[in-house]
Amino acid sequence: MSRLSLLLLPVLALQAQDAPAPGAVEVRPGIFVLAAAPAEGISQALKRYRFTHVLDLRRDEEPGADCQAEAARLQELGIQYQRYALGKAPPDGDFDFVRALLRDLPRGARILIHCSNGNRAAAVVCPWLVLDRGMPLTEALRVAGEAGLKLPETQEAVRRYLRKHGQA
């Protein structure tokens, strides 16, 4: 390890600890994707960094999905919680719903979108990036991949939806 790397380690560690949503990827300013449910510590960080919304995409049958406890914890902190359960290959209506939700967020809102592993959360943000924010498809897929889009059937659902909307 170089001397410069050793000097930067404490700075990098502080930045990671002080991130607005530890472990999340900010896909656009104020729009974060997390590859897990926000634990107690992350919930406190969301409050500290003035997050306004959390969208939970997990289904009831997923291991460890305690959506009622998460909703109560976040609402206690003044953060709006919404649950919208998705499968691995979301139909068009699910993409439409999330696009509308993101378009309708109030100015200055900050949202954390999560599922159990980031795959679905990153997937539903991808069409919004392309169709509503004008991001090139290759860039949106790269960003979504960094945020957790991994499963082939989910990637295909994203591509199918974008093809239907004139994006190849």
N, C-alpha and C. Protein backbone atom coordinates (compact mmCIF):
# COMPACT_ATOMS: atom_id res chain seq x y z
N MET A 1 0.86 -1.17 0.00
CA MET A 1 0.00 0.00 0.00
C MET A 1 0.90 1.23 0.00
N SER A 2 0.57 2.19 -0.84
CA SER A 2 1.40 3.39 -0.94
C SER A 2 1.21 4.29 0.28
N ARG A 3 2.16 5.17 0.45
CA ARG A 3 2.11 6.11 1.57
C ARG A 3 0.88 7.01 1.47
N LEU A 4 0.56 7.46 0.25
CA LEU A 4 -0.62 8.30 0.04
C LEU A 4 -1.89 7.55 0.43
N SER A 5 -1.97 6.28 0.06
CA SER A 5 -3.15 5.47 0.41
C SER A 5 -3.31 5.39 1.92
N LEU A 6 -2.21 5.20 2.63
CA LEU A 6 -2.28 5.12 4.08
C LEU A 6 -2.76 6.44 4.68
N LEU A 7 -2.36 7.54 4.10
CA LEU A 7 -2.80 8.84 4.61
C LEU A 7 -4.28 9.10 4.32
N LEU A 8 -4.78 8.55 3.22
CA LEU A 8 -6.17 8.78 2.84
C LEU A 8 -7.16 7.85 3.53
N LEU A 9 -6.71 6.74 4.08
CA LEU A 9 -7.61 5.78 4.70
C LEU A 9 -8.53 6.40 5.76
N PRO A 10 -8.02 7.21 6.71
CA PRO A 10 -8.93 7.80 7.69
C PRO A 10 -9.98 8.71 7.06
N VAL A 11 -9.61 9.45 6.02
CA VAL A 11 -10.56 10.32 5.34
C VAL A 11 -11.64 9.50 4.66
N LEU A 12 -11.24 8.44 3.96
CA LEU A 12 -12.22 7.59 3.28
C LEU A 12 -13.14 6.92 4.28
N ALA A 13 -12.62 6.48 5.40
CA ALA A 13 -13.45 5.85 6.43
C ALA A 13 -14.46 6.84 6.99
N LEU A 14 -14.06 8.08 7.23
CA LEU A 14 -14.99 9.09 7.72
C LEU A 14 -16.07 9.39 6.69
N GLN A 15 -15.70 9.46 5.40
CA GLN A 15 -16.69 9.70 4.37
C GLN A 15 -17.71 8.58 4.31
N ALA A 16 -17.27 7.33 4.41
CA ALA A 16 -18.18 6.19 4.37
C ALA A 16 -19.14 6.21 5.55
N GLN A 17 -18.62 6.56 6.74
CA GLN A 17 -19.47 6.60 7.92
C GLN A 17 -20.46 7.76 7.84
N ASP A 18 -20.07 8.85 7.18
CA ASP A 18 -20.87 10.05 7.16
C ASP A 18 -21.71 10.15 5.88
N ALA A 19 -21.84 9.06 5.15
CA ALA A 19 -22.62 9.06 3.92
C ALA A 19 -24.09 9.27 4.27
N PRO A 20 -24.85 9.97 3.42
CA PRO A 20 -26.27 10.19 3.71
C PRO A 20 -27.06 8.91 3.92
N ALA A 21 -26.76 7.88 3.17
CA ALA A 21 -27.43 6.59 3.32
C ALA A 21 -26.35 5.52 3.19
N PRO A 22 -25.72 5.15 4.29
CA PRO A 22 -24.61 4.20 4.24
C PRO A 22 -24.96 2.94 3.44
N GLY A 23 -24.11 2.62 2.46
CA GLY A 23 -24.30 1.44 1.64
C GLY A 23 -25.17 1.67 0.42
N ALA A 24 -25.80 2.83 0.31
CA ALA A 24 -26.69 3.12 -0.82
C ALA A 24 -25.92 3.79 -1.95
N VAL A 25 -26.46 3.67 -3.15
CA VAL A 25 -25.90 4.31 -4.34
C VAL A 25 -26.83 5.46 -4.72
N GLU A 26 -26.28 6.65 -4.85
CA GLU A 26 -27.07 7.81 -5.27
C GLU A 26 -27.09 7.82 -6.80
N VAL A 27 -28.23 7.47 -7.38
CA VAL A 27 -28.33 7.35 -8.84
C VAL A 27 -28.57 8.71 -9.50
N ARG A 28 -29.16 9.61 -8.81
CA ARG A 28 -29.35 11.01 -9.19
C ARG A 28 -29.42 11.78 -7.88
N PRO A 29 -29.17 13.07 -7.90
CA PRO A 29 -29.24 13.80 -6.63
C PRO A 29 -30.57 13.58 -5.90
N GLY A 30 -30.46 13.09 -4.69
CA GLY A 30 -31.63 12.85 -3.85
C GLY A 30 -32.33 11.53 -4.06
N ILE A 31 -31.87 10.72 -5.02
CA ILE A 31 -32.48 9.42 -5.31
C ILE A 31 -31.44 8.33 -5.02
N PHE A 32 -31.70 7.54 -3.98
CA PHE A 32 -30.75 6.53 -3.53
C PHE A 32 -31.35 5.14 -3.64
N VAL A 33 -30.51 4.15 -3.98
CA VAL A 33 -30.91 2.75 -4.03
C VAL A 33 -30.06 2.00 -3.02
N LEU A 34 -30.72 1.23 -2.17
CA LEU A 34 -30.05 0.45 -1.14
C LEU A 34 -30.34 -1.03 -1.35
N ALA A 35 -29.32 -1.86 -1.20
CA ALA A 35 -29.44 -3.30 -1.44
C ALA A 35 -29.80 -4.06 -0.17
N ALA A 36 -30.66 -3.48 0.66
CA ALA A 36 -31.11 -4.13 1.89
C ALA A 36 -32.14 -3.23 2.55
N ALA A 37 -32.77 -3.73 3.59
CA ALA A 37 -33.67 -2.87 4.36
C ALA A 37 -32.82 -1.96 5.25
N PRO A 38 -33.25 -0.72 5.44
CA PRO A 38 -32.47 0.17 6.30
C PRO A 38 -32.55 -0.27 7.76
N ALA A 39 -31.40 -0.63 8.33
CA ALA A 39 -31.33 -1.02 9.73
C ALA A 39 -31.49 0.22 10.61
N GLU A 40 -31.56 0.03 11.89
CA GLU A 40 -31.77 1.13 12.84
C GLU A 40 -30.77 2.26 12.61
N GLY A 41 -29.49 1.93 12.48
CA GLY A 41 -28.48 2.96 12.27
C GLY A 41 -28.68 3.73 10.98
N ILE A 42 -29.07 3.04 9.93
CA ILE A 42 -29.31 3.71 8.66
C ILE A 42 -30.54 4.60 8.77
N SER A 43 -31.56 4.15 9.48
CA SER A 43 -32.75 4.96 9.67
C SER A 43 -32.40 6.28 10.34
N GLN A 44 -31.53 6.24 11.33
CA GLN A 44 -31.10 7.46 12.01
C GLN A 44 -30.33 8.38 11.04
N ALA A 45 -29.50 7.78 10.18
CA ALA A 45 -28.77 8.57 9.19
C ALA A 45 -29.74 9.21 8.20
N LEU A 46 -30.79 8.50 7.83
CA LEU A 46 -31.79 9.05 6.91
C LEU A 46 -32.43 10.29 7.53
N LYS A 47 -32.74 10.23 8.79
CA LYS A 47 -33.32 11.39 9.49
C LYS A 47 -32.31 12.54 9.53
N ARG A 48 -31.09 12.23 9.89
CA ARG A 48 -30.04 13.25 10.02
C ARG A 48 -29.82 13.97 8.69
N TYR A 49 -29.91 13.23 7.59
CA TYR A 49 -29.66 13.83 6.27
C TYR A 49 -30.96 14.22 5.57
N ARG A 50 -32.01 14.37 6.34
CA ARG A 50 -33.29 14.91 5.86
C ARG A 50 -33.92 14.14 4.69
N PHE A 51 -33.85 12.81 4.78
CA PHE A 51 -34.60 12.01 3.81
C PHE A 51 -36.08 12.20 4.11
N THR A 52 -36.86 12.23 3.06
CA THR A 52 -38.29 12.46 3.22
C THR A 52 -39.12 11.21 2.95
N HIS A 53 -38.59 10.28 2.16
CA HIS A 53 -39.36 9.11 1.71
C HIS A 53 -38.49 7.85 1.69
N VAL A 54 -39.14 6.72 1.93
CA VAL A 54 -38.54 5.40 1.73
C VAL A 54 -39.57 4.57 0.97
N LEU A 55 -39.11 3.94 -0.11
CA LEU A 55 -39.95 3.02 -0.87
C LEU A 55 -39.37 1.62 -0.71
N ASP A 56 -40.16 0.73 -0.13
CA ASP A 56 -39.77 -0.65 0.15
C ASP A 56 -40.42 -1.55 -0.90
N LEU A 57 -39.61 -2.31 -1.64
CA LEU A 57 -40.11 -3.15 -2.73
C LEU A 57 -40.16 -4.63 -2.38
N ARG A 58 -39.92 -4.97 -1.11
CA ARG A 58 -39.89 -6.39 -0.73
C ARG A 58 -41.29 -6.99 -0.66
N ARG A 59 -41.32 -8.31 -0.88
CA ARG A 59 -42.57 -9.09 -0.76
C ARG A 59 -42.64 -9.72 0.62
N ASP A 60 -43.83 -10.10 1.04
CA ASP A 60 -44.04 -10.68 2.38
C ASP A 60 -43.18 -11.90 2.64
N GLU A 61 -43.03 -12.74 1.61
CA GLU A 61 -42.36 -14.03 1.82
C GLU A 61 -40.84 -13.93 1.87
N GLU A 62 -40.28 -12.76 1.70
CA GLU A 62 -38.82 -12.63 1.73
C GLU A 62 -38.30 -12.77 3.15
N PRO A 63 -37.18 -13.48 3.32
CA PRO A 63 -36.61 -13.66 4.65
C PRO A 63 -36.29 -12.31 5.31
N GLY A 64 -36.69 -12.18 6.56
CA GLY A 64 -36.37 -10.98 7.32
C GLY A 64 -37.19 -9.76 6.98
N ALA A 65 -38.21 -9.91 6.15
CA ALA A 65 -39.03 -8.75 5.77
C ALA A 65 -39.99 -8.42 6.90
N ASP A 66 -39.63 -7.43 7.70
CA ASP A 66 -40.49 -6.95 8.78
C ASP A 66 -40.90 -5.52 8.43
N CYS A 67 -41.78 -5.44 7.47
CA CYS A 67 -42.16 -4.14 6.90
C CYS A 67 -42.90 -3.28 7.91
N GLN A 68 -43.68 -3.90 8.80
CA GLN A 68 -44.41 -3.12 9.79
C GLN A 68 -43.45 -2.43 10.75
N ALA A 69 -42.41 -3.13 11.18
CA ALA A 69 -41.43 -2.52 12.08
C ALA A 69 -40.68 -1.40 11.37
N GLU A 70 -40.31 -1.63 10.11
CA GLU A 70 -39.62 -0.59 9.35
C GLU A 70 -40.51 0.64 9.18
N ALA A 71 -41.77 0.41 8.82
CA ALA A 71 -42.71 1.53 8.65
C ALA A 71 -42.85 2.32 9.94
N ALA A 72 -43.02 1.63 11.05
CA ALA A 72 -43.18 2.31 12.34
C ALA A 72 -41.93 3.11 12.70
N ARG A 73 -40.77 2.51 12.52
CA ARG A 73 -39.50 3.18 12.85
C ARG A 73 -39.32 4.44 12.00
N LEU A 74 -39.58 4.35 10.71
CA LEU A 74 -39.38 5.49 9.83
C LEU A 74 -40.43 6.57 10.07
N GLN A 75 -41.67 6.17 10.26
CA GLN A 75 -42.72 7.15 10.50
C GLN A 75 -42.49 7.89 11.82
N GLU A 76 -41.94 7.19 12.80
CA GLU A 76 -41.57 7.81 14.07
C GLU A 76 -40.53 8.91 13.86
N LEU A 77 -39.70 8.73 12.85
CA LEU A 77 -38.65 9.71 12.52
C LEU A 77 -39.15 10.79 11.56
N GLY A 78 -40.41 10.70 11.15
CA GLY A 78 -40.97 11.69 10.25
C GLY A 78 -40.67 11.43 8.78
N ILE A 79 -40.30 10.20 8.45
CA ILE A 79 -39.99 9.83 7.07
C ILE A 79 -41.17 9.04 6.51
N GLN A 80 -41.67 9.45 5.35
CA GLN A 80 -42.80 8.76 4.73
C GLN A 80 -42.35 7.40 4.20
N TYR A 81 -43.07 6.37 4.60
CA TYR A 81 -42.76 5.00 4.18
C TYR A 81 -43.87 4.52 3.27
N GLN A 82 -43.47 3.92 2.15
CA GLN A 82 -44.43 3.31 1.25
C GLN A 82 -43.90 1.96 0.84
N ARG A 83 -44.79 1.00 0.79
CA ARG A 83 -44.42 -0.34 0.37
C ARG A 83 -45.13 -0.66 -0.94
N TYR A 84 -44.35 -1.20 -1.87
CA TYR A 84 -44.89 -1.60 -3.16
C TYR A 84 -44.14 -2.86 -3.57
N ALA A 85 -44.69 -4.01 -3.24
CA ALA A 85 -44.00 -5.29 -3.44
C ALA A 85 -43.84 -5.62 -4.92
N LEU A 86 -42.62 -5.99 -5.29
CA LEU A 86 -42.30 -6.34 -6.68
C LEU A 86 -41.70 -7.73 -6.78
N GLY A 87 -41.94 -8.36 -7.94
CA GLY A 87 -41.29 -9.63 -8.26
C GLY A 87 -40.00 -9.38 -9.02
N LYS A 88 -39.33 -10.47 -9.41
CA LYS A 88 -38.03 -10.37 -10.10
C LYS A 88 -38.14 -9.74 -11.49
N ALA A 89 -39.27 -9.94 -12.15
CA ALA A 89 -39.46 -9.39 -13.50
C ALA A 89 -40.71 -8.50 -13.47
N PRO A 90 -40.55 -7.27 -13.03
CA PRO A 90 -41.73 -6.40 -12.87
C PRO A 90 -42.48 -6.17 -14.18
N PRO A 91 -43.81 -6.18 -14.13
CA PRO A 91 -44.60 -5.84 -15.33
C PRO A 91 -44.56 -4.33 -15.56
N ASP A 92 -45.04 -3.91 -16.71
CA ASP A 92 -44.98 -2.50 -17.09
C ASP A 92 -45.61 -1.58 -16.05
N GLY A 93 -46.72 -2.01 -15.46
CA GLY A 93 -47.41 -1.17 -14.48
C GLY A 93 -46.55 -0.82 -13.28
N ASP A 94 -45.65 -1.72 -12.89
CA ASP A 94 -44.76 -1.44 -11.76
C ASP A 94 -43.75 -0.35 -12.13
N PHE A 95 -43.23 -0.42 -13.35
CA PHE A 95 -42.32 0.64 -13.79
C PHE A 95 -43.06 1.97 -13.88
N ASP A 96 -44.29 1.93 -14.40
CA ASP A 96 -45.11 3.15 -14.50
C ASP A 96 -45.32 3.77 -13.11
N PHE A 97 -45.64 2.92 -12.14
CA PHE A 97 -45.90 3.39 -10.78
C PHE A 97 -44.68 4.12 -10.21
N VAL A 98 -43.51 3.49 -10.31
CA VAL A 98 -42.31 4.10 -9.72
C VAL A 98 -41.92 5.36 -10.47
N ARG A 99 -42.05 5.35 -11.79
CA ARG A 99 -41.75 6.57 -12.56
C ARG A 99 -42.65 7.72 -12.09
N ALA A 100 -43.95 7.45 -11.92
CA ALA A 100 -44.88 8.48 -11.47
C ALA A 100 -44.53 8.96 -10.06
N LEU A 101 -44.18 8.02 -9.19
CA LEU A 101 -43.81 8.39 -7.82
C LEU A 101 -42.59 9.31 -7.83
N LEU A 102 -41.57 8.95 -8.61
CA LEU A 102 -40.36 9.78 -8.66
C LEU A 102 -40.63 11.14 -9.30
N ARG A 103 -41.45 11.17 -10.33
CA ARG A 103 -41.79 12.45 -10.98
C ARG A 103 -42.56 13.36 -10.04
N ASP A 104 -43.39 12.76 -9.19
CA ASP A 104 -44.27 13.55 -8.33
C ASP A 104 -43.67 13.92 -6.97
N LEU A 105 -42.43 13.52 -6.72
CA LEU A 105 -41.82 13.90 -5.45
C LEU A 105 -41.74 15.42 -5.35
N PRO A 106 -41.99 15.94 -4.17
CA PRO A 106 -41.87 17.39 -4.01
C PRO A 106 -40.42 17.85 -4.22
N ARG A 107 -40.26 19.08 -4.62
CA ARG A 107 -38.93 19.65 -4.82
C ARG A 107 -38.13 19.53 -3.52
N GLY A 108 -36.89 19.08 -3.63
CA GLY A 108 -36.03 18.93 -2.46
C GLY A 108 -36.20 17.62 -1.71
N ALA A 109 -37.11 16.76 -2.17
CA ALA A 109 -37.31 15.47 -1.50
C ALA A 109 -36.08 14.60 -1.68
N ARG A 110 -35.86 13.72 -0.72
CA ARG A 110 -34.80 12.72 -0.79
C ARG A 110 -35.44 11.37 -0.51
N ILE A 111 -35.21 10.41 -1.40
CA ILE A 111 -35.86 9.11 -1.28
C ILE A 111 -34.84 7.98 -1.31
N LEU A 112 -35.10 6.99 -0.49
CA LEU A 112 -34.33 5.75 -0.48
C LEU A 112 -35.25 4.66 -0.99
N ILE A 113 -34.84 4.00 -2.06
CA ILE A 113 -35.60 2.88 -2.63
C ILE A 113 -34.82 1.61 -2.32
N HIS A 114 -35.49 0.62 -1.75
CA HIS A 114 -34.76 -0.60 -1.40
C HIS A 114 -35.59 -1.84 -1.61
N CYS A 115 -34.86 -2.95 -1.76
CA CYS A 115 -35.42 -4.29 -1.74
C CYS A 115 -34.45 -5.11 -0.90
N SER A 116 -34.42 -6.39 -1.06
CA SER A 116 -33.53 -7.19 -0.22
C SER A 116 -32.10 -7.24 -0.75
N ASN A 117 -31.91 -7.02 -2.07
CA ASN A 117 -30.55 -7.12 -2.62
C ASN A 117 -30.20 -6.04 -3.63
N GLY A 118 -31.08 -5.08 -3.85
CA GLY A 118 -30.81 -3.98 -4.78
C GLY A 118 -31.23 -4.24 -6.21
N ASN A 119 -31.48 -5.47 -6.58
CA ASN A 119 -31.81 -5.82 -7.96
C ASN A 119 -33.09 -5.11 -8.43
N ARG A 120 -34.18 -5.30 -7.71
CA ARG A 120 -35.46 -4.69 -8.11
C ARG A 120 -35.45 -3.18 -7.94
N ALA A 121 -34.82 -2.70 -6.85
CA ALA A 121 -34.77 -1.26 -6.61
C ALA A 121 -34.02 -0.55 -7.74
N ALA A 122 -32.90 -1.11 -8.15
CA ALA A 122 -32.13 -0.51 -9.25
C ALA A 122 -32.90 -0.64 -10.57
N ALA A 123 -33.61 -1.74 -10.74
CA ALA A 123 -34.36 -1.97 -11.98
C ALA A 123 -35.44 -0.93 -12.19
N VAL A 124 -36.22 -0.63 -11.16
CA VAL A 124 -37.34 0.30 -11.35
C VAL A 124 -36.89 1.74 -11.52
N VAL A 125 -35.67 2.04 -11.10
CA VAL A 125 -35.15 3.39 -11.27
C VAL A 125 -34.61 3.59 -12.70
N CYS A 126 -34.17 2.53 -13.32
CA CYS A 126 -33.53 2.61 -14.64
C CYS A 126 -34.42 3.26 -15.70
N PRO A 127 -35.68 2.83 -15.89
CA PRO A 127 -36.52 3.50 -16.89
C PRO A 127 -36.75 4.99 -16.59
N TRP A 128 -36.86 5.33 -15.32
CA TRP A 128 -37.02 6.74 -14.93
C TRP A 128 -35.79 7.54 -15.36
N LEU A 129 -34.61 6.97 -15.15
CA LEU A 129 -33.38 7.66 -15.56
C LEU A 129 -33.37 7.93 -17.06
N VAL A 130 -33.80 6.94 -17.84
CA VAL A 130 -33.77 7.06 -19.31
C VAL A 130 -34.92 7.93 -19.81
N LEU A 131 -36.14 7.59 -19.43
CA LEU A 131 -37.32 8.23 -20.02
C LEU A 131 -37.67 9.58 -19.41
N ASP A 132 -37.37 9.77 -18.14
CA ASP A 132 -37.77 11.01 -17.47
C ASP A 132 -36.61 11.96 -17.19
N ARG A 133 -35.41 11.42 -17.14
CA ARG A 133 -34.24 12.27 -16.85
C ARG A 133 -33.30 12.39 -18.04
N GLY A 134 -33.60 11.68 -19.12
CA GLY A 134 -32.82 11.81 -20.35
C GLY A 134 -31.43 11.18 -20.33
N MET A 135 -31.20 10.26 -19.41
CA MET A 135 -29.91 9.61 -19.33
C MET A 135 -29.79 8.59 -20.47
N PRO A 136 -28.66 8.54 -21.16
CA PRO A 136 -28.49 7.51 -22.20
C PRO A 136 -28.65 6.11 -21.59
N LEU A 137 -29.22 5.21 -22.38
CA LEU A 137 -29.52 3.86 -21.90
C LEU A 137 -28.28 3.15 -21.36
N THR A 138 -27.16 3.22 -22.06
CA THR A 138 -25.96 2.52 -21.59
C THR A 138 -25.51 3.06 -20.24
N GLU A 139 -25.61 4.37 -20.05
CA GLU A 139 -25.23 4.97 -18.76
C GLU A 139 -26.21 4.55 -17.67
N ALA A 140 -27.51 4.56 -17.98
CA ALA A 140 -28.51 4.17 -16.99
C ALA A 140 -28.33 2.70 -16.57
N LEU A 141 -28.03 1.84 -17.52
CA LEU A 141 -27.78 0.43 -17.19
C LEU A 141 -26.52 0.27 -16.36
N ARG A 142 -25.51 1.07 -16.63
CA ARG A 142 -24.28 1.02 -15.83
C ARG A 142 -24.57 1.45 -14.39
N VAL A 143 -25.28 2.57 -14.25
CA VAL A 143 -25.64 3.08 -12.92
C VAL A 143 -26.50 2.05 -12.18
N ALA A 144 -27.50 1.50 -12.88
CA ALA A 144 -28.37 0.50 -12.25
C ALA A 144 -27.56 -0.74 -11.85
N GLY A 145 -26.60 -1.13 -12.68
CA GLY A 145 -25.74 -2.26 -12.33
C GLY A 145 -24.94 -2.00 -11.07
N GLU A 146 -24.42 -0.79 -10.93
CA GLU A 146 -23.68 -0.43 -9.71
C GLU A 146 -24.59 -0.44 -8.49
N ALA A 147 -25.86 -0.11 -8.71
CA ALA A 147 -26.81 -0.05 -7.60
C ALA A 147 -27.40 -1.42 -7.25
N GLY A 148 -27.18 -2.43 -8.11
CA GLY A 148 -27.63 -3.78 -7.76
C GLY A 148 -28.38 -4.55 -8.81
N LEU A 149 -28.66 -3.96 -9.98
CA LEU A 149 -29.36 -4.70 -11.04
C LEU A 149 -28.46 -5.80 -11.57
N LYS A 150 -28.82 -7.05 -11.28
CA LYS A 150 -27.95 -8.17 -11.64
C LYS A 150 -28.68 -9.31 -12.36
N LEU A 151 -29.90 -9.63 -11.98
CA LEU A 151 -30.56 -10.81 -12.51
C LEU A 151 -30.99 -10.63 -13.96
N PRO A 152 -30.71 -11.62 -14.80
CA PRO A 152 -31.05 -11.51 -16.22
C PRO A 152 -32.54 -11.27 -16.48
N GLU A 153 -33.42 -11.94 -15.73
CA GLU A 153 -34.85 -11.75 -15.96
C GLU A 153 -35.30 -10.34 -15.59
N THR A 154 -34.65 -9.73 -14.62
CA THR A 154 -34.99 -8.36 -14.24
C THR A 154 -34.45 -7.39 -15.28
N GLN A 155 -33.23 -7.63 -15.74
CA GLN A 155 -32.66 -6.80 -16.80
C GLN A 155 -33.52 -6.86 -18.06
N GLU A 156 -34.01 -8.04 -18.39
CA GLU A 156 -34.85 -8.19 -19.57
C GLU A 156 -36.18 -7.44 -19.40
N ALA A 157 -36.75 -7.45 -18.20
CA ALA A 157 -37.98 -6.70 -17.96
C ALA A 157 -37.75 -5.20 -18.17
N VAL A 158 -36.60 -4.70 -17.72
CA VAL A 158 -36.25 -3.29 -17.92
C VAL A 158 -36.13 -3.00 -19.41
N ARG A 159 -35.39 -3.84 -20.13
CA ARG A 159 -35.19 -3.62 -21.58
C ARG A 159 -36.52 -3.70 -22.35
N ARG A 160 -37.36 -4.66 -21.98
CA ARG A 160 -38.67 -4.80 -22.64
C ARG A 160 -39.50 -3.54 -22.45
N TYR A 161 -39.53 -3.03 -21.24
CA TYR A 161 -40.28 -1.82 -20.93
C TYR A 161 -39.73 -0.63 -21.74
N LEU A 162 -38.42 -0.50 -21.77
CA LEU A 162 -37.82 0.61 -22.50
C LEU A 162 -38.07 0.49 -24.01
N ARG A 163 -38.03 -0.72 -24.55
CA ARG A 163 -38.35 -0.92 -25.98
C ARG A 163 -39.77 -0.46 -26.29
N LYS A 164 -40.70 -0.78 -25.39
CA LYS A 164 -42.09 -0.37 -25.60
C LYS A 164 -42.24 1.15 -25.59
N HIS A 165 -41.27 1.81 -24.97
CA HIS A 165 -41.30 3.29 -24.90
C HIS A 165 -40.30 3.92 -25.87
N GLY A 166 -39.90 3.15 -26.90
CA GLY A 166 -39.06 3.71 -27.95
C GLY A 166 -37.58 3.77 -27.66
N GLN A 167 -37.14 3.13 -26.61
CA GLN A 167 -35.70 3.09 -26.28
C GLN A 167 -35.19 1.67 -26.51
N ALA A 168 -34.13 1.56 -27.29
CA ALA A 168 -33.62 0.20 -27.60
C ALA A 168 -32.54 -0.22 -26.68
